[in-house]
Amino acid sequence: MAQVADKVAEAERRERETRQQLRSPAVDRGPYDVDPADLAEQWAARHAEWRRIATLMDDQGWPVYSPEQDVQGSTWARERDAQREGALARRAAWQMERQDARDELKTQVWLPADTSRRLRAIATRTGLEPEQVLAQLADRVRMDDDGALTVDTFTPR
């Protein structure tokens, strides 16, 4: 119980300090400093949570805090874990998309009329868009030692 009381007092002190920093004139923060408003909100939330735990322990007569007995706290912890995992998964997917976007090549190709007609005919027969046929063609191109480009016979899919 004494440790929880210490945590409540520490959170209260830190919440007060971060709120005071918000009211003080802006200082030049380094690139690794955290957002003071965000930090103040975090300490306010920690203060509220430590007060909730202290009240719960007092109401239940617990000499020691046990997360397994704290139904609400355990539920919130599971929700935070799920949110964190979701955020990490979204971040990983976003990073993969960014990497893929850097690796992609988007271009506009102007083809002569006869080549364009042949490409459209091939695309129509295969059920693909002309861009898809060109992408498959480009995917199969090899460069010989002498710099000549070659493509083995293939069927667009």
N, C-alpha and C. Protein backbone atom coordinates (compact mmCIF):
# COMPACT_ATOMS: atom_id res chain seq x y z
N MET A 1 0.83 -1.20 0.00
CA MET A 1 0.00 0.00 0.00
C MET A 1 0.87 1.26 0.00
N ALA A 2 2.00 1.19 0.72
CA ALA A 2 2.90 2.35 0.79
C ALA A 2 3.51 2.63 -0.58
N GLN A 3 3.83 1.57 -1.33
CA GLN A 3 4.39 1.77 -2.66
C GLN A 3 3.38 2.42 -3.60
N VAL A 4 2.12 2.03 -3.48
CA VAL A 4 1.07 2.63 -4.31
C VAL A 4 0.91 4.09 -3.93
N ALA A 5 0.95 4.40 -2.64
CA ALA A 5 0.85 5.80 -2.20
C ALA A 5 2.02 6.61 -2.75
N ASP A 6 3.22 6.02 -2.77
CA ASP A 6 4.38 6.71 -3.34
C ASP A 6 4.17 6.96 -4.83
N LYS A 7 3.61 5.99 -5.54
CA LYS A 7 3.36 6.14 -6.98
C LYS A 7 2.32 7.23 -7.24
N VAL A 8 1.28 7.30 -6.38
CA VAL A 8 0.27 8.35 -6.51
C VAL A 8 0.93 9.71 -6.34
N ALA A 9 1.76 9.84 -5.31
CA ALA A 9 2.43 11.11 -5.05
C ALA A 9 3.38 11.49 -6.18
N GLU A 10 4.13 10.51 -6.69
CA GLU A 10 5.05 10.78 -7.79
C GLU A 10 4.29 11.22 -9.05
N ALA A 11 3.21 10.51 -9.36
CA ALA A 11 2.42 10.86 -10.54
C ALA A 11 1.81 12.25 -10.38
N GLU A 12 1.34 12.56 -9.18
CA GLU A 12 0.76 13.88 -8.93
C GLU A 12 1.82 14.97 -9.13
N ARG A 13 3.04 14.75 -8.60
CA ARG A 13 4.13 15.71 -8.73
C ARG A 13 4.51 15.88 -10.21
N ARG A 14 4.65 14.79 -10.91
CA ARG A 14 5.04 14.87 -12.33
C ARG A 14 3.95 15.51 -13.17
N GLU A 15 2.69 15.22 -12.86
CA GLU A 15 1.59 15.85 -13.59
C GLU A 15 1.65 17.36 -13.38
N ARG A 16 1.86 17.79 -12.12
CA ARG A 16 1.94 19.22 -11.81
C ARG A 16 3.13 19.87 -12.54
N GLU A 17 4.28 19.20 -12.54
CA GLU A 17 5.47 19.74 -13.20
C GLU A 17 5.27 19.88 -14.71
N THR A 18 4.68 18.86 -15.32
CA THR A 18 4.50 18.93 -16.78
C THR A 18 3.47 19.99 -17.14
N ARG A 19 2.44 20.16 -16.31
CA ARG A 19 1.46 21.23 -16.57
C ARG A 19 2.13 22.61 -16.46
N GLN A 20 3.04 22.75 -15.47
CA GLN A 20 3.77 24.02 -15.32
C GLN A 20 4.65 24.28 -16.53
N GLN A 21 5.27 23.24 -17.06
CA GLN A 21 6.11 23.40 -18.25
C GLN A 21 5.28 23.89 -19.44
N LEU A 22 4.03 23.44 -19.51
CA LEU A 22 3.17 23.89 -20.61
C LEU A 22 2.88 25.38 -20.52
N ARG A 23 2.77 25.89 -19.28
CA ARG A 23 2.46 27.30 -19.09
C ARG A 23 3.70 28.19 -19.23
N SER A 24 4.89 27.60 -19.13
CA SER A 24 6.12 28.39 -19.24
C SER A 24 6.40 28.71 -20.71
N PRO A 25 7.23 29.72 -20.96
CA PRO A 25 7.54 30.08 -22.36
C PRO A 25 8.17 28.89 -23.10
N ALA A 26 7.88 28.84 -24.38
CA ALA A 26 8.40 27.74 -25.20
C ALA A 26 9.91 27.83 -25.27
N VAL A 27 10.55 26.69 -25.14
CA VAL A 27 12.00 26.61 -25.27
C VAL A 27 12.32 25.77 -26.48
N ASP A 28 13.51 25.96 -26.99
CA ASP A 28 13.93 25.18 -28.15
C ASP A 28 14.18 23.76 -27.71
N ARG A 29 13.34 22.85 -28.18
CA ARG A 29 13.48 21.44 -27.82
C ARG A 29 14.36 20.76 -28.84
N GLY A 30 15.14 19.81 -28.38
CA GLY A 30 15.98 19.03 -29.27
C GLY A 30 15.15 18.04 -30.06
N PRO A 31 15.76 17.36 -31.01
CA PRO A 31 15.00 16.43 -31.86
C PRO A 31 14.50 15.20 -31.11
N TYR A 32 15.04 14.94 -29.91
CA TYR A 32 14.63 13.75 -29.18
C TYR A 32 13.72 14.06 -28.01
N ASP A 33 13.39 15.34 -27.81
CA ASP A 33 12.47 15.70 -26.74
C ASP A 33 11.05 15.29 -27.10
N VAL A 34 10.29 14.96 -26.07
CA VAL A 34 8.90 14.57 -26.30
C VAL A 34 8.01 15.81 -26.30
N ASP A 35 6.82 15.67 -26.82
CA ASP A 35 5.84 16.74 -26.83
C ASP A 35 5.39 16.99 -25.40
N PRO A 36 5.57 18.22 -24.87
CA PRO A 36 5.20 18.47 -23.47
C PRO A 36 3.71 18.28 -23.20
N ALA A 37 2.85 18.59 -24.15
CA ALA A 37 1.41 18.39 -23.94
C ALA A 37 1.09 16.90 -23.83
N ASP A 38 1.73 16.10 -24.67
CA ASP A 38 1.53 14.65 -24.63
C ASP A 38 2.04 14.09 -23.31
N LEU A 39 3.20 14.56 -22.87
CA LEU A 39 3.77 14.11 -21.61
C LEU A 39 2.86 14.48 -20.44
N ALA A 40 2.31 15.67 -20.48
CA ALA A 40 1.39 16.10 -19.41
C ALA A 40 0.16 15.20 -19.37
N GLU A 41 -0.37 14.86 -20.54
CA GLU A 41 -1.54 13.97 -20.59
C GLU A 41 -1.20 12.57 -20.07
N GLN A 42 0.00 12.10 -20.40
CA GLN A 42 0.41 10.78 -19.91
C GLN A 42 0.50 10.76 -18.38
N TRP A 43 1.09 11.80 -17.80
CA TRP A 43 1.19 11.83 -16.34
C TRP A 43 -0.17 12.02 -15.69
N ALA A 44 -1.06 12.76 -16.31
CA ALA A 44 -2.41 12.89 -15.77
C ALA A 44 -3.11 11.54 -15.77
N ALA A 45 -2.94 10.77 -16.83
CA ALA A 45 -3.56 9.44 -16.91
C ALA A 45 -2.93 8.49 -15.88
N ARG A 46 -1.61 8.55 -15.73
CA ARG A 46 -0.96 7.69 -14.73
C ARG A 46 -1.42 8.06 -13.33
N HIS A 47 -1.54 9.36 -13.06
CA HIS A 47 -2.00 9.81 -11.75
C HIS A 47 -3.40 9.28 -11.47
N ALA A 48 -4.28 9.40 -12.46
CA ALA A 48 -5.66 8.90 -12.29
C ALA A 48 -5.66 7.38 -12.06
N GLU A 49 -4.82 6.66 -12.78
CA GLU A 49 -4.78 5.19 -12.62
C GLU A 49 -4.23 4.79 -11.25
N TRP A 50 -3.18 5.46 -10.77
CA TRP A 50 -2.65 5.13 -9.45
C TRP A 50 -3.66 5.48 -8.36
N ARG A 51 -4.41 6.57 -8.53
CA ARG A 51 -5.47 6.89 -7.56
C ARG A 51 -6.55 5.82 -7.58
N ARG A 52 -6.92 5.33 -8.78
CA ARG A 52 -7.93 4.28 -8.88
C ARG A 52 -7.46 3.02 -8.17
N ILE A 53 -6.19 2.66 -8.36
CA ILE A 53 -5.65 1.46 -7.71
C ILE A 53 -5.64 1.64 -6.19
N ALA A 54 -5.21 2.82 -5.72
CA ALA A 54 -5.19 3.07 -4.28
C ALA A 54 -6.60 2.97 -3.69
N THR A 55 -7.58 3.54 -4.36
CA THR A 55 -8.96 3.48 -3.89
C THR A 55 -9.47 2.05 -3.90
N LEU A 56 -9.18 1.30 -4.94
CA LEU A 56 -9.60 -0.10 -5.04
C LEU A 56 -9.00 -0.92 -3.90
N MET A 57 -7.71 -0.74 -3.65
CA MET A 57 -7.05 -1.49 -2.58
C MET A 57 -7.66 -1.14 -1.23
N ASP A 58 -7.95 0.15 -1.03
CA ASP A 58 -8.55 0.59 0.23
C ASP A 58 -9.96 0.03 0.39
N ASP A 59 -10.76 0.12 -0.68
CA ASP A 59 -12.15 -0.38 -0.63
C ASP A 59 -12.21 -1.89 -0.40
N GLN A 60 -11.29 -2.63 -1.06
CA GLN A 60 -11.30 -4.09 -0.97
C GLN A 60 -10.52 -4.61 0.23
N GLY A 61 -9.75 -3.73 0.87
CA GLY A 61 -8.95 -4.15 2.01
C GLY A 61 -7.74 -4.98 1.62
N TRP A 62 -7.24 -4.76 0.41
CA TRP A 62 -6.08 -5.53 -0.06
C TRP A 62 -4.80 -4.93 0.54
N PRO A 63 -3.97 -5.77 1.16
CA PRO A 63 -2.67 -5.25 1.63
C PRO A 63 -1.67 -5.12 0.48
N VAL A 64 -1.90 -5.92 -0.58
CA VAL A 64 -1.01 -5.93 -1.74
C VAL A 64 -1.88 -5.90 -3.00
N TYR A 65 -1.42 -5.13 -3.98
CA TYR A 65 -2.16 -5.06 -5.24
C TYR A 65 -1.94 -6.33 -6.03
N SER A 66 -3.01 -6.88 -6.56
CA SER A 66 -2.93 -8.08 -7.40
C SER A 66 -3.68 -7.80 -8.71
N PRO A 67 -2.94 -7.72 -9.83
CA PRO A 67 -3.59 -7.43 -11.11
C PRO A 67 -4.67 -8.46 -11.46
N GLU A 68 -4.49 -9.70 -11.04
CA GLU A 68 -5.48 -10.75 -11.35
C GLU A 68 -6.82 -10.45 -10.70
N GLN A 69 -6.81 -9.77 -9.56
CA GLN A 69 -8.06 -9.44 -8.87
C GLN A 69 -8.67 -8.14 -9.37
N ASP A 70 -7.89 -7.34 -10.04
CA ASP A 70 -8.36 -6.05 -10.55
C ASP A 70 -8.96 -6.27 -11.94
N VAL A 71 -10.27 -6.53 -11.95
CA VAL A 71 -10.96 -6.86 -13.20
C VAL A 71 -10.88 -5.69 -14.19
N GLN A 72 -11.20 -4.50 -13.72
CA GLN A 72 -11.21 -3.34 -14.61
C GLN A 72 -9.81 -3.05 -15.13
N GLY A 73 -8.82 -3.06 -14.26
CA GLY A 73 -7.44 -2.79 -14.67
C GLY A 73 -6.93 -3.84 -15.66
N SER A 74 -7.29 -5.10 -15.42
CA SER A 74 -6.87 -6.17 -16.33
C SER A 74 -7.52 -6.02 -17.69
N THR A 75 -8.79 -5.63 -17.70
CA THR A 75 -9.50 -5.40 -18.97
C THR A 75 -8.85 -4.27 -19.74
N TRP A 76 -8.55 -3.18 -19.04
CA TRP A 76 -7.90 -2.04 -19.70
C TRP A 76 -6.51 -2.43 -20.21
N ALA A 77 -5.79 -3.24 -19.44
CA ALA A 77 -4.45 -3.66 -19.88
C ALA A 77 -4.54 -4.50 -21.15
N ARG A 78 -5.53 -5.41 -21.21
CA ARG A 78 -5.70 -6.21 -22.42
C ARG A 78 -6.06 -5.32 -23.61
N GLU A 79 -6.94 -4.33 -23.38
CA GLU A 79 -7.31 -3.41 -24.45
C GLU A 79 -6.10 -2.60 -24.93
N ARG A 80 -5.27 -2.14 -23.99
CA ARG A 80 -4.05 -1.39 -24.37
C ARG A 80 -3.11 -2.28 -25.18
N ASP A 81 -2.96 -3.53 -24.74
CA ASP A 81 -2.10 -4.46 -25.47
C ASP A 81 -2.62 -4.69 -26.88
N ALA A 82 -3.94 -4.86 -27.01
CA ALA A 82 -4.54 -5.07 -28.33
C ALA A 82 -4.35 -3.83 -29.20
N GLN A 83 -4.54 -2.64 -28.62
CA GLN A 83 -4.34 -1.40 -29.38
C GLN A 83 -2.88 -1.26 -29.81
N ARG A 84 -1.96 -1.59 -28.91
CA ARG A 84 -0.53 -1.50 -29.23
C ARG A 84 -0.17 -2.47 -30.35
N GLU A 85 -0.67 -3.71 -30.25
CA GLU A 85 -0.39 -4.70 -31.30
C GLU A 85 -0.98 -4.26 -32.64
N GLY A 86 -2.20 -3.71 -32.60
CA GLY A 86 -2.82 -3.21 -33.83
C GLY A 86 -2.02 -2.06 -34.42
N ALA A 87 -1.57 -1.16 -33.56
CA ALA A 87 -0.78 -0.02 -34.03
C ALA A 87 0.54 -0.50 -34.63
N LEU A 88 1.17 -1.47 -33.99
CA LEU A 88 2.42 -2.00 -34.52
C LEU A 88 2.21 -2.69 -35.86
N ALA A 89 1.11 -3.43 -35.98
CA ALA A 89 0.80 -4.11 -37.25
C ALA A 89 0.52 -3.08 -38.35
N ARG A 90 -0.25 -2.03 -38.01
CA ARG A 90 -0.53 -0.98 -39.00
C ARG A 90 0.76 -0.26 -39.40
N ARG A 91 1.62 -0.02 -38.45
CA ARG A 91 2.90 0.65 -38.74
C ARG A 91 3.75 -0.23 -39.67
N ALA A 92 3.81 -1.52 -39.38
CA ALA A 92 4.60 -2.43 -40.22
C ALA A 92 4.03 -2.48 -41.63
N ALA A 93 2.70 -2.53 -41.75
CA ALA A 93 2.07 -2.56 -43.07
C ALA A 93 2.34 -1.25 -43.81
N TRP A 94 2.27 -0.15 -43.11
CA TRP A 94 2.53 1.16 -43.71
C TRP A 94 3.98 1.24 -44.19
N GLN A 95 4.92 0.76 -43.38
CA GLN A 95 6.32 0.78 -43.78
C GLN A 95 6.54 -0.11 -45.01
N MET A 96 5.86 -1.26 -45.05
CA MET A 96 5.99 -2.14 -46.21
C MET A 96 5.43 -1.47 -47.46
N GLU A 97 4.30 -0.79 -47.32
CA GLU A 97 3.72 -0.07 -48.45
C GLU A 97 4.66 1.02 -48.95
N ARG A 98 5.28 1.73 -48.00
CA ARG A 98 6.22 2.78 -48.39
C ARG A 98 7.43 2.19 -49.12
N GLN A 99 7.92 1.06 -48.62
CA GLN A 99 9.06 0.41 -49.29
C GLN A 99 8.66 -0.05 -50.68
N ASP A 100 7.47 -0.66 -50.77
CA ASP A 100 6.99 -1.10 -52.09
C ASP A 100 6.82 0.08 -53.03
N ALA A 101 6.31 1.19 -52.50
CA ALA A 101 6.10 2.37 -53.34
C ALA A 101 7.43 2.91 -53.84
N ARG A 102 8.48 2.84 -53.00
CA ARG A 102 9.80 3.31 -53.45
C ARG A 102 10.36 2.41 -54.53
N ASP A 103 10.01 1.12 -54.46
CA ASP A 103 10.54 0.16 -55.42
C ASP A 103 9.74 0.14 -56.72
N GLU A 104 8.54 0.70 -56.70
CA GLU A 104 7.70 0.68 -57.90
C GLU A 104 8.19 1.70 -58.92
N LEU A 105 7.87 1.42 -60.15
CA LEU A 105 8.17 2.36 -61.22
C LEU A 105 6.86 2.64 -61.95
N LYS A 106 6.49 3.89 -61.99
CA LYS A 106 5.30 4.28 -62.73
C LYS A 106 5.77 5.11 -63.90
N THR A 107 5.32 4.74 -65.07
CA THR A 107 5.77 5.44 -66.26
C THR A 107 4.64 5.53 -67.27
N GLN A 108 4.81 6.41 -68.20
CA GLN A 108 3.88 6.55 -69.30
C GLN A 108 4.63 6.16 -70.57
N VAL A 109 4.03 5.29 -71.35
CA VAL A 109 4.68 4.81 -72.57
C VAL A 109 3.84 5.22 -73.77
N TRP A 110 4.48 5.86 -74.74
CA TRP A 110 3.81 6.23 -75.98
C TRP A 110 4.25 5.23 -77.04
N LEU A 111 3.30 4.46 -77.52
CA LEU A 111 3.61 3.43 -78.52
C LEU A 111 3.06 3.85 -79.88
N PRO A 112 3.73 3.42 -80.93
CA PRO A 112 3.19 3.68 -82.27
C PRO A 112 1.84 2.97 -82.41
N ALA A 113 1.03 3.42 -83.32
CA ALA A 113 -0.34 2.91 -83.49
C ALA A 113 -0.37 1.41 -83.72
N ASP A 114 0.52 0.89 -84.59
CA ASP A 114 0.47 -0.55 -84.88
C ASP A 114 0.87 -1.38 -83.65
N THR A 115 1.87 -0.92 -82.89
CA THR A 115 2.28 -1.62 -81.68
C THR A 115 1.17 -1.54 -80.63
N SER A 116 0.55 -0.40 -80.53
CA SER A 116 -0.54 -0.21 -79.57
C SER A 116 -1.71 -1.13 -79.90
N ARG A 117 -2.04 -1.26 -81.19
CA ARG A 117 -3.14 -2.16 -81.59
C ARG A 117 -2.82 -3.61 -81.24
N ARG A 118 -1.56 -4.03 -81.51
CA ARG A 118 -1.18 -5.41 -81.16
C ARG A 118 -1.26 -5.64 -79.66
N LEU A 119 -0.79 -4.67 -78.88
CA LEU A 119 -0.82 -4.80 -77.43
C LEU A 119 -2.27 -4.88 -76.93
N ARG A 120 -3.14 -4.06 -77.47
CA ARG A 120 -4.55 -4.10 -77.06
C ARG A 120 -5.20 -5.43 -77.45
N ALA A 121 -4.84 -5.95 -78.61
CA ALA A 121 -5.39 -7.25 -79.06
C ALA A 121 -4.93 -8.36 -78.11
N ILE A 122 -3.66 -8.35 -77.75
CA ILE A 122 -3.15 -9.35 -76.81
C ILE A 122 -3.86 -9.23 -75.47
N ALA A 123 -4.01 -8.01 -75.00
CA ALA A 123 -4.68 -7.78 -73.71
C ALA A 123 -6.12 -8.26 -73.76
N THR A 124 -6.81 -8.00 -74.85
CA THR A 124 -8.20 -8.43 -74.99
C THR A 124 -8.29 -9.95 -74.97
N ARG A 125 -7.41 -10.63 -75.71
CA ARG A 125 -7.43 -12.10 -75.75
C ARG A 125 -7.13 -12.72 -74.39
N THR A 126 -6.27 -12.08 -73.60
CA THR A 126 -5.88 -12.65 -72.31
C THR A 126 -6.77 -12.18 -71.17
N GLY A 127 -7.63 -11.19 -71.43
CA GLY A 127 -8.50 -10.68 -70.37
C GLY A 127 -7.77 -9.74 -69.42
N LEU A 128 -6.64 -9.23 -69.85
CA LEU A 128 -5.85 -8.32 -69.02
C LEU A 128 -5.93 -6.91 -69.57
N GLU A 129 -5.47 -5.96 -68.78
CA GLU A 129 -5.31 -4.59 -69.25
C GLU A 129 -3.96 -4.51 -69.98
N PRO A 130 -3.81 -3.60 -70.93
CA PRO A 130 -2.52 -3.47 -71.62
C PRO A 130 -1.35 -3.24 -70.66
N GLU A 131 -1.59 -2.48 -69.59
CA GLU A 131 -0.53 -2.21 -68.61
C GLU A 131 -0.09 -3.50 -67.92
N GLN A 132 -1.04 -4.40 -67.69
CA GLN A 132 -0.70 -5.67 -67.04
C GLN A 132 0.15 -6.55 -67.97
N VAL A 133 -0.16 -6.53 -69.26
CA VAL A 133 0.63 -7.30 -70.22
C VAL A 133 2.06 -6.75 -70.25
N LEU A 134 2.19 -5.42 -70.31
CA LEU A 134 3.52 -4.81 -70.32
C LEU A 134 4.29 -5.12 -69.03
N ALA A 135 3.59 -5.12 -67.89
CA ALA A 135 4.26 -5.43 -66.62
C ALA A 135 4.78 -6.86 -66.63
N GLN A 136 3.98 -7.80 -67.15
CA GLN A 136 4.44 -9.19 -67.22
C GLN A 136 5.61 -9.33 -68.19
N LEU A 137 5.55 -8.61 -69.28
CA LEU A 137 6.64 -8.62 -70.25
C LEU A 137 7.92 -8.10 -69.60
N ALA A 138 7.82 -6.97 -68.91
CA ALA A 138 8.99 -6.38 -68.26
C ALA A 138 9.54 -7.29 -67.17
N ASP A 139 8.66 -8.04 -66.53
CA ASP A 139 9.07 -8.95 -65.47
C ASP A 139 9.94 -10.09 -66.00
N ARG A 140 9.80 -10.40 -67.27
CA ARG A 140 10.52 -11.54 -67.86
C ARG A 140 11.73 -11.14 -68.69
N VAL A 141 12.01 -9.87 -68.80
CA VAL A 141 13.13 -9.39 -69.60
C VAL A 141 14.45 -9.76 -68.93
N ARG A 142 15.40 -10.21 -69.75
CA ARG A 142 16.76 -10.50 -69.30
C ARG A 142 17.72 -9.67 -70.14
N MET A 143 18.84 -9.32 -69.54
CA MET A 143 19.86 -8.60 -70.29
C MET A 143 21.05 -9.54 -70.48
N ASP A 144 21.44 -9.71 -71.72
CA ASP A 144 22.59 -10.55 -72.04
C ASP A 144 23.88 -9.82 -71.70
N ASP A 145 24.99 -10.54 -71.77
CA ASP A 145 26.29 -9.94 -71.47
C ASP A 145 26.62 -8.78 -72.39
N ASP A 146 26.13 -8.85 -73.61
CA ASP A 146 26.41 -7.78 -74.57
C ASP A 146 25.42 -6.62 -74.46
N GLY A 147 24.48 -6.67 -73.48
CA GLY A 147 23.53 -5.59 -73.27
C GLY A 147 22.23 -5.74 -74.03
N ALA A 148 22.08 -6.83 -74.80
CA ALA A 148 20.84 -7.04 -75.56
C ALA A 148 19.75 -7.54 -74.61
N LEU A 149 18.54 -7.05 -74.81
CA LEU A 149 17.40 -7.48 -74.02
C LEU A 149 16.70 -8.63 -74.72
N THR A 150 16.34 -9.65 -73.94
CA THR A 150 15.62 -10.79 -74.52
C THR A 150 14.49 -11.19 -73.59
N VAL A 151 13.45 -11.76 -74.19
CA VAL A 151 12.32 -12.27 -73.44
C VAL A 151 12.01 -13.64 -74.00
N ASP A 152 11.98 -14.64 -73.12
CA ASP A 152 11.58 -15.97 -73.57
C ASP A 152 10.09 -15.95 -73.88
N THR A 153 9.66 -16.88 -74.69
CA THR A 153 8.24 -17.00 -75.03
C THR A 153 7.44 -17.27 -73.76
N PHE A 154 6.35 -16.56 -73.62
CA PHE A 154 5.50 -16.78 -72.43
C PHE A 154 4.06 -16.45 -72.80
N THR A 155 3.15 -16.95 -71.99
CA THR A 155 1.74 -16.66 -72.15
C THR A 155 1.30 -15.74 -71.01
N PRO A 156 0.81 -14.55 -71.35
CA PRO A 156 0.34 -13.66 -70.28
C PRO A 156 -0.79 -14.32 -69.48
N ARG A 157 -0.77 -14.12 -68.21
CA ARG A 157 -1.81 -14.70 -67.34
C ARG A 157 -2.45 -13.62 -66.51
